[in-house]
Amino acid sequence: MCMVKRMSNELMIDWANRVNGTPNTNRSHCLFDGETLEKGTGFALVLPETGIMPRYICPRCLDKLTGKKPYHFNSNNRISNGLGTTKVGNEEQYTIGVELEYSTNRVARKARFTFKVLVERAFNVIEEDDCTVSGEFPTDKMNGGNILSKVLHKLETYGFMPYFDVECVGAHIHVECTCMEFVRNWYNTLFVPLCEYIQAHDSTWIIDKFGRDFGSYRNPIDRNSNCMTHSNFVNCQHDHTLEFRLPRIRNAKQYMNVVYFWRSVVALLNNTAWIERTSSNRDARKAQASALANEIVSIARDYFGD
């Protein structure tokens, strides 16, 4: 089918203005789905590490501007129909979503378009505006980290990691939380020790492990912090996910380690038999929260070291 007939007006304009898609002169394969492209059926994209040497995209991968609704984290959706393969286990059963911010202020338009197509195609999402960065890709819910890991490794292979490793950019992680009432009640008890564990290290260590240090919109917390404050490094403002705002992507391995760390933390909370509130058991409930806080720090040490 003719590509023009399948493309939206928006995409045709974007393609004409940014890519000027030169057809492939030899048999090739689509960069995104591996489809065989006979001579003249694919269109050239420019990648950062290849210079003028093109890669190719098939018409089907261009025609993807309408896709799944991004993972809006206040939705009541659960594990069904998430991206990836559902697994049964203490951690794998809880869905993950990430917000991939990026900045390309000094990047050629063709390379930026290639990056955008790759990410939107991989996660079947639409880029959203964010006034603090060039753009943001909020993923749909994912059943595990396999798809995310593969996409990030592909982006790293093609030289796109610098788009994420910029001062103003973050990569917030959301994990499905089934016990938000308890987490909100004991927020400070649960997460101040984690904050203190991270702050006990110098900035170089924090950046190496998490991608960036504490700062604007990823603030450290204390015993008086409000769990609903959006800018806290951990916040409870979403009804069904617990958000970790500290991370930034420096490379795929570093970021996936943080993703799996945060999933382990939230799984610990989800799998706890919380003590219900009564008029006389506050001390027992506080002791339970304190014990969980110690376990969270222990998890952090397992992933990041002392």
Protein backbone atom coordinates (compact mmCIF):
# COMPACT_ATOMS: atom_id res chain seq x y z
CA MET A 1 0.00 0.00 0.00
CA CYS A 2 1.24 3.49 -0.81
CA MET A 3 2.82 5.10 2.23
CA VAL A 4 1.17 8.46 1.59
CA LYS A 5 -2.32 6.92 1.75
CA ARG A 6 -1.57 5.38 5.13
CA MET A 7 0.06 8.41 6.77
CA SER A 8 -1.74 11.13 8.68
CA ASN A 9 -1.45 14.71 7.47
CA GLU A 10 0.54 15.54 10.58
CA LEU A 11 3.05 12.78 9.92
CA MET A 12 3.33 13.59 6.20
CA ILE A 13 4.17 17.20 7.06
CA ASP A 14 6.61 16.11 9.75
CA TRP A 15 8.24 13.62 7.39
CA ALA A 16 8.52 16.12 4.51
CA ASN A 17 9.92 18.89 6.68
CA ARG A 18 12.31 16.86 8.80
CA VAL A 19 13.38 13.70 7.03
CA ASN A 20 12.98 14.06 3.25
CA GLY A 21 12.89 10.24 3.23
CA THR A 22 15.29 9.09 0.55
CA PRO A 23 14.24 5.58 -0.64
CA ASN A 24 16.63 2.71 -0.06
CA THR A 25 18.66 1.82 -3.18
CA ASN A 26 19.45 -1.72 -2.01
CA ARG A 27 17.57 -4.42 -0.17
CA SER A 28 17.55 -3.59 3.56
CA HIS A 29 15.63 -4.09 6.81
CA CYS A 30 13.47 -1.76 8.88
CA LEU A 31 15.36 -0.43 11.88
CA PHE A 32 12.34 -0.80 14.14
CA ASP A 33 10.56 -4.07 13.32
CA GLY A 34 13.13 -5.86 11.14
CA GLU A 35 10.82 -6.12 8.13
CA THR A 36 12.62 -6.83 4.86
CA LEU A 37 12.63 -3.77 2.63
CA GLU A 38 12.98 -4.37 -1.08
CA LYS A 39 14.66 -1.68 -3.14
CA GLY A 40 12.71 1.57 -2.99
CA THR A 41 10.26 0.50 -0.26
CA GLY A 42 12.05 1.93 2.79
CA PHE A 43 12.94 5.46 3.79
CA ALA A 44 16.16 6.82 5.20
CA LEU A 45 16.69 8.11 8.74
CA VAL A 46 19.88 9.63 10.12
CA LEU A 47 21.25 8.26 13.40
CA PRO A 48 23.79 10.14 15.58
CA GLU A 49 26.58 7.59 15.31
CA THR A 50 26.23 6.86 11.59
CA GLY A 51 26.66 10.34 10.18
CA ILE A 52 25.49 10.38 6.58
CA MET A 53 25.12 6.59 6.42
CA PRO A 54 21.36 5.96 6.55
CA ARG A 55 19.22 3.44 8.34
CA TYR A 56 15.78 2.65 7.01
CA ILE A 57 12.20 2.58 8.26
CA CYS A 58 9.22 0.83 6.69
CA PRO A 59 5.92 2.61 5.95
CA ARG A 60 4.10 0.61 8.64
CA CYS A 61 6.38 1.94 11.37
CA LEU A 62 5.74 5.49 10.26
CA ASP A 63 2.02 5.06 10.50
CA LYS A 64 1.88 4.89 14.27
CA LEU A 65 0.85 8.29 15.55
CA THR A 66 -2.30 6.89 17.13
CA GLY A 67 -1.56 4.25 19.72
CA LYS A 68 -2.41 3.09 23.19
CA LYS A 69 -3.30 5.61 25.82
CA PRO A 70 -0.23 6.32 27.96
CA TYR A 71 -0.11 4.97 31.50
CA HIS A 72 -2.01 7.65 33.42
CA PHE A 73 -0.98 6.76 36.88
CA ASN A 74 -4.25 7.57 38.66
CA SER A 75 -6.13 5.04 36.55
CA ASN A 76 -7.50 1.95 38.23
CA ASN A 77 -6.04 -0.39 35.59
CA ARG A 78 -4.27 -3.46 36.89
CA ILE A 79 -1.93 -5.95 35.35
CA SER A 80 -4.10 -7.11 32.42
CA ASN A 81 -3.17 -5.88 28.94
CA GLY A 82 0.14 -4.32 29.98
CA LEU A 83 3.14 -4.33 27.66
CA GLY A 84 5.34 -7.38 27.94
CA THR A 85 4.83 -10.83 29.41
CA THR A 86 2.95 -11.31 32.66
CA LYS A 87 4.95 -13.23 35.27
CA VAL A 88 3.79 -14.61 38.60
CA GLY A 89 5.97 -13.77 41.56
CA ASN A 90 6.37 -11.52 44.55
CA GLU A 91 7.81 -8.69 42.42
CA GLU A 92 7.05 -9.46 38.78
CA GLN A 93 3.28 -9.29 39.29
CA TYR A 94 3.30 -5.52 39.81
CA THR A 95 3.19 -3.30 36.74
CA ILE A 96 5.78 -0.63 35.98
CA GLY A 97 5.51 2.69 34.13
CA VAL A 98 8.23 5.25 33.42
CA GLU A 99 8.31 8.87 32.28
CA LEU A 100 11.18 9.26 29.82
CA GLU A 101 12.08 12.93 29.59
CA TYR A 102 14.68 14.01 27.05
CA SER A 103 16.46 17.10 25.74
CA THR A 104 17.73 17.62 22.19
CA ASN A 105 18.34 21.35 22.08
CA ARG A 106 21.52 20.98 20.03
CA VAL A 107 20.58 17.87 18.04
CA ALA A 108 19.89 17.78 14.30
CA ARG A 109 16.20 17.57 13.46
CA LYS A 110 16.59 14.32 11.51
CA ALA A 111 18.27 12.55 14.43
CA ARG A 112 15.63 13.84 16.83
CA PHE A 113 12.86 12.54 14.58
CA THR A 114 14.51 9.12 14.41
CA PHE A 115 14.73 9.04 18.21
CA LYS A 116 11.09 10.02 18.54
CA VAL A 117 9.90 7.37 16.08
CA LEU A 118 11.94 4.66 17.77
CA VAL A 119 10.61 5.40 21.27
CA GLU A 120 7.00 5.91 20.20
CA ARG A 121 7.08 2.75 18.10
CA ALA A 122 8.68 0.66 20.86
CA PHE A 123 6.22 1.70 23.59
CA ASN A 124 3.22 2.53 21.36
CA VAL A 125 2.84 5.94 23.00
CA ILE A 126 2.65 9.56 21.93
CA GLU A 127 5.17 12.17 23.01
CA GLU A 128 3.80 14.73 25.48
CA ASP A 129 4.89 18.32 25.98
CA ASP A 130 6.88 19.25 29.06
CA CYS A 131 7.88 22.89 29.43
CA THR A 132 11.08 22.01 31.32
CA VAL A 133 12.53 19.66 28.64
CA SER A 134 12.26 18.94 24.90
CA GLY A 135 9.58 16.31 25.47
CA GLU A 136 8.45 13.34 27.51
CA PHE A 137 7.33 9.79 26.74
CA PRO A 138 5.05 8.40 29.50
CA THR A 139 4.91 4.68 28.85
CA ASP A 140 1.93 2.43 29.16
CA LYS A 141 2.01 0.01 32.08
CA MET A 142 4.53 -2.77 31.60
CA ASN A 143 4.49 -6.31 32.95
CA GLY A 144 8.13 -6.38 34.00
CA GLY A 145 11.18 -4.60 32.67
CA ASN A 146 12.04 -6.71 29.63
CA ILE A 147 10.68 -4.35 26.96
CA LEU A 148 12.12 -1.28 28.70
CA SER A 149 15.54 -2.92 28.96
CA LYS A 150 15.58 -3.92 25.29
CA VAL A 151 14.53 -0.46 24.13
CA LEU A 152 17.12 1.32 26.27
CA HIS A 153 19.90 -0.99 25.07
CA LYS A 154 18.86 -0.30 21.47
CA LEU A 155 18.86 3.46 22.12
CA GLU A 156 22.30 3.11 23.70
CA THR A 157 23.58 1.14 20.69
CA TYR A 158 22.39 3.86 18.33
CA GLY A 159 23.92 6.67 20.36
CA PHE A 160 20.84 8.24 21.93
CA MET A 161 21.81 8.08 25.62
CA PRO A 162 23.02 11.71 25.67
CA TYR A 163 19.41 12.77 25.05
CA PHE A 164 18.57 11.48 28.54
CA ASP A 165 21.74 12.45 30.41
CA VAL A 166 21.04 16.19 30.62
CA GLU A 167 20.84 18.35 33.73
CA CYS A 168 17.13 19.20 33.41
CA VAL A 169 16.03 15.67 32.48
CA GLY A 170 14.69 12.90 34.70
CA ALA A 171 13.24 9.42 34.25
CA HIS A 172 10.59 8.94 36.93
CA ILE A 173 9.54 5.41 37.83
CA HIS A 174 6.04 4.33 38.84
CA VAL A 175 5.25 0.91 40.29
CA GLU A 176 1.76 -0.35 41.04
CA CYS A 177 1.02 0.09 44.75
CA THR A 178 -1.82 -1.89 46.34
CA CYS A 179 -1.45 -0.49 49.86
CA MET A 180 -1.38 3.27 49.30
CA GLU A 181 -3.45 4.06 52.40
CA PHE A 182 -0.83 2.48 54.65
CA VAL A 183 2.09 3.99 52.73
CA ARG A 184 0.59 7.47 53.01
CA ASN A 185 -0.01 7.01 56.74
CA TRP A 186 3.60 5.94 57.40
CA TYR A 187 5.37 7.79 54.57
CA ASN A 188 7.96 9.58 56.69
CA THR A 189 8.78 6.54 58.78
CA LEU A 190 9.16 4.43 55.65
CA PHE A 191 11.22 6.69 53.39
CA VAL A 192 13.28 9.10 55.52
CA PRO A 193 15.81 6.30 56.27
CA LEU A 194 16.15 5.63 52.52
CA CYS A 195 16.73 9.33 51.93
CA GLU A 196 19.36 9.39 54.69
CA TYR A 197 21.06 6.30 53.24
CA ILE A 198 21.39 8.02 49.85
CA GLN A 199 22.47 11.35 51.34
CA ALA A 200 25.19 9.62 53.37
CA HIS A 201 27.11 9.24 50.09
CA ASP A 202 28.82 11.96 48.08
CA SER A 203 27.33 13.41 44.91
CA THR A 204 29.60 11.38 42.63
CA TRP A 205 28.30 8.12 44.12
CA ILE A 206 24.66 9.24 43.92
CA ILE A 207 25.01 10.25 40.28
CA ASP A 208 26.77 6.99 39.45
CA LYS A 209 23.97 4.91 40.98
CA PHE A 210 20.83 6.94 40.30
CA GLY A 211 21.86 9.13 37.36
CA ARG A 212 21.69 12.43 39.25
CA ASP A 213 21.75 13.94 42.73
CA PHE A 214 18.89 15.47 44.71
CA GLY A 215 17.68 18.81 43.39
CA SER A 216 14.69 20.62 41.95
CA TYR A 217 11.62 18.37 41.60
CA ARG A 218 13.47 15.53 43.33
CA ASN A 219 13.80 16.91 46.82
CA PRO A 220 15.04 15.02 49.87
CA ILE A 221 12.52 14.55 52.65
CA ASP A 222 12.49 14.74 56.45
CA ARG A 223 10.12 13.84 59.28
CA ASN A 224 7.88 16.81 58.44
CA SER A 225 7.55 16.23 54.69
CA ASN A 226 4.11 15.82 53.13
CA CYS A 227 3.72 12.56 51.25
CA MET A 228 1.57 14.25 48.57
CA THR A 229 4.16 16.86 47.61
CA HIS A 230 4.88 16.35 43.92
CA SER A 231 8.52 17.41 44.07
CA ASN A 232 9.58 14.89 46.78
CA PHE A 233 12.04 12.27 45.57
CA VAL A 234 9.35 9.73 46.55
CA ASN A 235 5.73 10.80 46.52
CA CYS A 236 2.28 9.29 47.06
CA GLN A 237 0.19 11.72 45.04
CA HIS A 238 -1.04 9.01 42.65
CA ASP A 239 -3.72 6.66 43.90
CA HIS A 240 -2.37 3.43 42.44
CA THR A 241 1.37 3.88 41.89
CA LEU A 242 4.30 4.92 44.06
CA GLU A 243 6.60 7.34 42.23
CA PHE A 244 10.40 7.53 42.49
CA ARG A 245 11.56 10.85 41.00
CA LEU A 246 15.29 10.81 41.68
CA PRO A 247 16.56 8.76 38.69
CA ARG A 248 18.02 9.85 35.38
CA ILE A 249 19.17 7.58 32.57
CA ARG A 250 22.93 7.60 32.05
CA ASN A 251 23.07 4.15 30.49
CA ALA A 252 20.72 1.20 30.19
CA LYS A 253 22.33 -0.98 32.85
CA GLN A 254 22.42 1.80 35.44
CA TYR A 255 18.78 2.78 34.93
CA MET A 256 17.40 -0.75 34.85
CA ASN A 257 19.13 -1.42 38.17
CA VAL A 258 17.18 1.51 39.65
CA VAL A 259 13.93 0.29 38.08
CA TYR A 260 14.32 -3.17 39.60
CA PHE A 261 15.32 -1.64 42.94
CA TRP A 262 12.15 0.43 43.06
CA ARG A 263 10.00 -2.51 42.03
CA SER A 264 11.53 -4.53 44.89
CA VAL A 265 10.73 -1.76 47.36
CA VAL A 266 7.11 -1.40 46.30
CA ALA A 267 6.66 -5.19 46.15
CA LEU A 268 7.88 -5.39 49.74
CA LEU A 269 5.19 -2.91 50.77
CA ASN A 270 2.49 -4.58 48.67
CA ASN A 271 3.23 -8.01 50.11
CA THR A 272 3.16 -6.88 53.74
CA ALA A 273 0.30 -7.93 55.98
CA TRP A 274 -0.32 -4.44 57.32
CA ILE A 275 -1.69 -4.07 60.84
CA GLU A 276 -5.09 -2.43 60.64
CA ARG A 277 -5.68 0.75 62.61
CA THR A 278 -7.36 0.43 66.01
CA SER A 279 -7.54 2.75 68.99
CA SER A 280 -4.77 0.95 70.84
CA ASN A 281 -2.21 -0.39 68.39
CA ARG A 282 -0.37 2.68 67.07
CA ASP A 283 2.91 1.55 68.64
CA ALA A 284 2.69 -1.82 66.92
CA ARG A 285 1.88 -0.21 63.60
CA LYS A 286 4.76 2.24 63.92
CA ALA A 287 7.13 -0.61 64.80
CA GLN A 288 5.99 -2.45 61.68
CA ALA A 289 6.66 0.63 59.51
CA SER A 290 10.09 1.12 61.09
CA ALA A 291 10.98 -2.51 60.39
CA LEU A 292 9.91 -2.06 56.77
CA ALA A 293 12.06 1.08 56.52
CA ASN A 294 15.08 -0.96 57.58
CA GLU A 295 14.22 -3.58 54.96
CA ILE A 296 14.00 -0.86 52.29
CA VAL A 297 17.49 0.35 53.17
CA SER A 298 18.67 -3.27 53.11
CA ILE A 299 17.25 -3.61 49.60
CA ALA A 300 19.06 -0.43 48.58
CA ARG A 301 22.34 -1.83 49.88
CA ASP A 302 21.77 -5.00 47.89
CA TYR A 303 21.37 -3.01 44.68
CA PHE A 304 23.79 -0.12 45.24
CA GLY A 305 26.20 -1.18 47.99
CA ASP A 306 27.09 0.42 51.30
